[in-house]
Amino acid sequence: MGFYCPERAFLFLYPRRNMLRLNLYTGGKKLGRVKQFEFERGAEKWGGISITSAEDLEKALPWVNESHKRIKATIARNEPTGWYARLESTEGQ
């Protein structure tokens, strides 16, 4: 299931038998306990976390809200947010 902000997706939810898997937009920056994906060709701005209890879900909700804020800010800057979006280089700035 995908959740939109409303322009673009910022959260994907994957129900599993004993857990929920959340893939969140991070903008390539640390976001709580969300683990950044380390794919060679994609997902530089995305991360994931597994939810196995109600406590985990409560802890993750602020990160979901922050993900939503981050993608809205990124959209306002007209930067790409998709799975294959690359991190913008800050070299020389």
Protein backbone atom coordinates (compact mmCIF):
# COMPACT_ATOMS: atom_id res chain seq x y z
CA MET A 1 0.00 0.00 0.00
CA GLY A 2 1.31 3.42 -0.86
CA PHE A 3 0.54 6.67 0.95
CA TYR A 4 0.76 10.00 -0.81
CA CYS A 5 1.30 13.55 0.40
CA PRO A 6 -0.82 14.05 -1.99
CA GLU A 7 1.56 14.75 -4.89
CA ARG A 8 3.95 11.83 -4.44
CA ALA A 9 4.33 8.71 -2.35
CA PHE A 10 6.25 9.07 0.92
CA LEU A 11 5.39 5.76 2.60
CA PHE A 12 4.90 2.20 1.43
CA LEU A 13 3.37 -0.32 3.82
CA TYR A 14 3.93 -4.05 3.37
CA PRO A 15 1.85 -6.24 5.73
CA ARG A 16 3.56 -9.49 6.66
CA ARG A 17 2.38 -12.37 8.79
CA ASN A 18 4.05 -11.18 12.02
CA MET A 19 5.07 -7.61 11.20
CA LEU A 20 4.59 -4.53 9.09
CA ARG A 21 7.35 -3.32 6.84
CA LEU A 22 7.46 0.44 6.25
CA ASN A 23 9.51 2.01 3.48
CA LEU A 24 9.76 5.74 4.14
CA TYR A 25 11.08 8.73 2.27
CA THR A 26 14.10 10.00 4.22
CA GLY A 27 15.62 12.43 1.76
CA GLY A 28 18.88 10.56 2.28
CA LYS A 29 19.19 11.76 5.89
CA LYS A 30 18.97 9.92 9.21
CA LEU A 31 15.42 9.39 10.41
CA GLY A 32 15.08 7.72 13.81
CA ARG A 33 15.69 3.98 13.59
CA VAL A 34 14.81 3.88 9.90
CA LYS A 35 17.62 2.07 8.11
CA GLN A 36 18.78 3.67 4.88
CA PHE A 37 18.73 1.36 1.88
CA GLU A 38 22.18 0.69 0.49
CA PHE A 39 21.28 -0.28 -3.04
CA GLU A 40 23.89 0.51 -5.65
CA ARG A 41 21.38 1.87 -8.15
CA GLY A 42 18.43 3.32 -6.32
CA ALA A 43 16.66 4.16 -3.10
CA GLU A 44 19.24 6.71 -1.98
CA LYS A 45 16.43 8.82 -0.51
CA TRP A 46 14.51 5.93 1.05
CA GLY A 47 14.79 3.72 4.11
CA GLY A 48 12.89 0.97 5.86
CA ILE A 49 11.83 -0.22 9.27
CA SER A 50 10.05 -3.34 10.55
CA ILE A 51 7.19 -2.97 13.03
CA THR A 52 6.63 -6.03 15.22
CA SER A 53 4.59 -4.60 18.12
CA ALA A 54 2.22 -1.79 19.07
CA GLU A 55 5.14 -0.15 20.88
CA ASP A 56 7.21 -0.19 17.68
CA LEU A 57 4.31 1.43 15.85
CA GLU A 58 4.01 4.19 18.44
CA LYS A 59 7.74 4.88 18.15
CA ALA A 60 7.55 4.95 14.34
CA LEU A 61 4.66 7.43 14.03
CA PRO A 62 6.84 10.54 14.54
CA TRP A 63 9.18 9.23 11.82
CA VAL A 64 6.22 8.81 9.46
CA ASN A 65 5.20 12.42 10.17
CA GLU A 66 8.78 13.60 9.58
CA SER A 67 8.91 11.63 6.32
CA HIS A 68 5.77 13.46 5.19
CA LYS A 69 7.32 16.84 6.07
CA ARG A 70 10.54 15.97 4.26
CA ILE A 71 8.87 14.95 1.03
CA LYS A 72 6.69 18.06 1.03
CA ALA A 73 9.80 20.22 1.43
CA THR A 74 11.58 18.30 -1.33
CA ILE A 75 8.61 18.75 -3.66
CA ALA A 76 8.57 22.49 -2.88
CA ARG A 77 12.23 22.61 -4.02
CA ASN A 78 11.21 20.72 -7.17
CA GLU A 79 13.69 17.91 -6.50
CA PRO A 80 13.12 14.28 -7.52
CA THR A 81 11.82 11.91 -4.83
CA GLY A 82 11.35 8.59 -6.62
CA TRP A 83 13.00 5.26 -5.94
CA TYR A 84 15.72 5.98 -8.49
CA ALA A 85 16.22 9.64 -7.50
CA ARG A 86 19.85 10.39 -6.76
CA LEU A 87 21.07 12.48 -3.85
CA GLU A 88 21.98 15.97 -4.95
CA SER A 89 25.71 16.64 -4.75
CA THR A 90 26.80 19.33 -2.32
CA GLU A 91 30.41 19.37 -3.51
CA GLY A 92 31.80 22.85 -4.08
CA GLN A 93 29.00 24.57 -2.17
